């Protein structure tokens, strides 16, 4: 078994092409050598220091040969060297042969008389002008060329293959490069149609420019459908490309040398892996050209192949021109990191991994741990400090004004519980700001839901207890009942809400507690982590968060409905209006904040800010509304009579007695009071009358 070294497909392909080319050259040369006498050293020495002009017929399409004085095609240094307006692969190769002939070992002043314009009639027809049967060939009998032009060229610089029939009519140079029938596709074309077989199975179509290419492909894929580009020449080439991009065909068939050049000019064209009938391009030499000259031409081409001059010219026209390793730019004058980047076909330094950046790929992208930005941390501490400051200020005010009638009616113990709940809830902001860098961990993940839920339970439970207390007082007042609502009965509601929340949290803590997790968000193709994010996570966190949110939503909805029922209550009744505003604000923040948090996800830049803002605003509004109503209320107490009249004017819907019954009771009470007053008035009048009469009698 033969073990091959580790070579790329490109290297193996070039080696195979070069081997086949040299082999074909040997066969061609051997065939021609059988007809020519051997060339001796003395024959070659006669050519030294002589001026040699060879007549060249340039045939082919761009980039083999073209007129360089148009905007479409560029000139080359070889054009100026040979003093011609032509350019292309053939012209560059002629210039290379001229330089080789001028070397000291040969000492020949070589020049070329180049004639162009034979592309449209075909290089196969022009071949007759230097063939041995030029005067009686089949093409001559058909009048396809003028026999007076026989012997007009010494060399045909075209893209002909040395077929057995042609080698009997003329001599050929060594193989220059290989060519075959290939195909290209449009990058935005139909997906998956990148070969003749796939196009045939999908009943697709193929654009072709020459009947010969069609027959070669059709022999292997008989069910393919072909569309011919009818314009002819270079216009036919452009027409085929336009048809391919327009979707009229799925592949375009042609010679590989021309398709490679089309793909080089247009990056949207991609060469497929199809290769049919590989042949080798050579230069036909005039059959009666001096054997010594023919020998020298072949030797110069051998030297050009051996010294990689042919390969260099081939790469210039048929492959991407990449800068050497470590260089970039249009003229390869810029630096490109040799390990982390490589210049593309346009000279731009492309980094081989997203781990490196910059115009030269020399700057390494540091690992982004996805930590909370420092400015957001400062903002979070400021939010917490504001809430703590407001709570402390309200606590001091509550202590100093605990004897005010309005404060007494609001029950200072419940007001103190509201402050405690807001402090606990706001502490969640500090807990969320604790994070760990890669390789470290956070141990307080479960503290976040505990602080928020306990703080919510204490705050909401107190608000709920206050609104329930007002509802109970008003309900019994409208029914003329005496009722006493103690602080202990209000705390029972707080404890009930807190117990439900703690039950859910305790189950979460035992079954599936949250832990710190870090996941990779972005990595390069080598698996190097470039961006990651850390967050608290548990397997079933959605279930527990869903249970807590559902419970809180139900509480807020019920509390808001109770606030709606108490909308007409007097403000003096334990701050019912402030409690209602705080309750509705809690519900509004909850309904808007939860969907927004779900949309944001775990992004550290936005998720943290939204969560802290929701908690901060929620707690701050509760304290500001509840205590603001007390702080800015009038200091003197409202007379009890006015409160009773305000309460009695409320048509309470929850009362079991109808409003007419209450009104009749009020009417009966009023009548009894009026009758009592009239009776007392009569008694007083009779007493005064008797005394006045007695006094008068004594006086008389």
Foldseek 3Di string as FASTA:
>chain_A
DDDDPDDDPVVVVVVVFLVVLQVVQVVQVVLLPVVDDDDDPVNLVVQAQEEAEFEEEEEDAPQLKDFQPDPVHHADPLCVVQVHRMHHLLSLVVSLLQVVCCDPVNRYRYHYRYDYDCHQLHLVLVLLLQWQCVCPDPCVVVVSDDSVSRVVGFKYSYFDFCDVVSSVGFGWAGFLGKKFKWKKAFLPADPPPQDPVSCLVVQFEEEEADVVQVVQVCVVVVSHHYDYQPPGDVVSVVSRVVCRVVHVGGMYIDMLLVLLLVCLVPVRMGIGPDGTDMGTGIMTGRHPPPPSVVVSVNVSSVVCVVVCVSVVSSCVRRNQDWAPQQFFDQVRPHGAHNPQWTAGSNRFTDGPKPQADDSRSPHGQAAAALAFDPVVVVVLVVLLVVLVVLLVVLVVVCVVCVPFPLNVLLPSVLLNLLSVLLNLQSCLSVVVNDDDGPPDWDDCQLSNLVSNQLSCLSNLLSLLLLLVVLVVVLQCLLVVHDDDDDPVNSVVSSVVSNVVSVVLSVCCCPPWDWIKDKDADDDIPVRHGRYIYIDTDTDPVVVSVVVSLVSVLVSLVVSLVSLVLCVQADCSNSNSVLSNVLSVVLNVLSVPLPVVLVVVDRNSHPNSSSVSVSSSVSSVSSSCSNVVSVVPDDRDDDDPVVNSVSSNPDLRPPHPDHPVVSVVVVVVVVVVVVVVVVVVVVVVVVVVVVVVVVVVVVVD
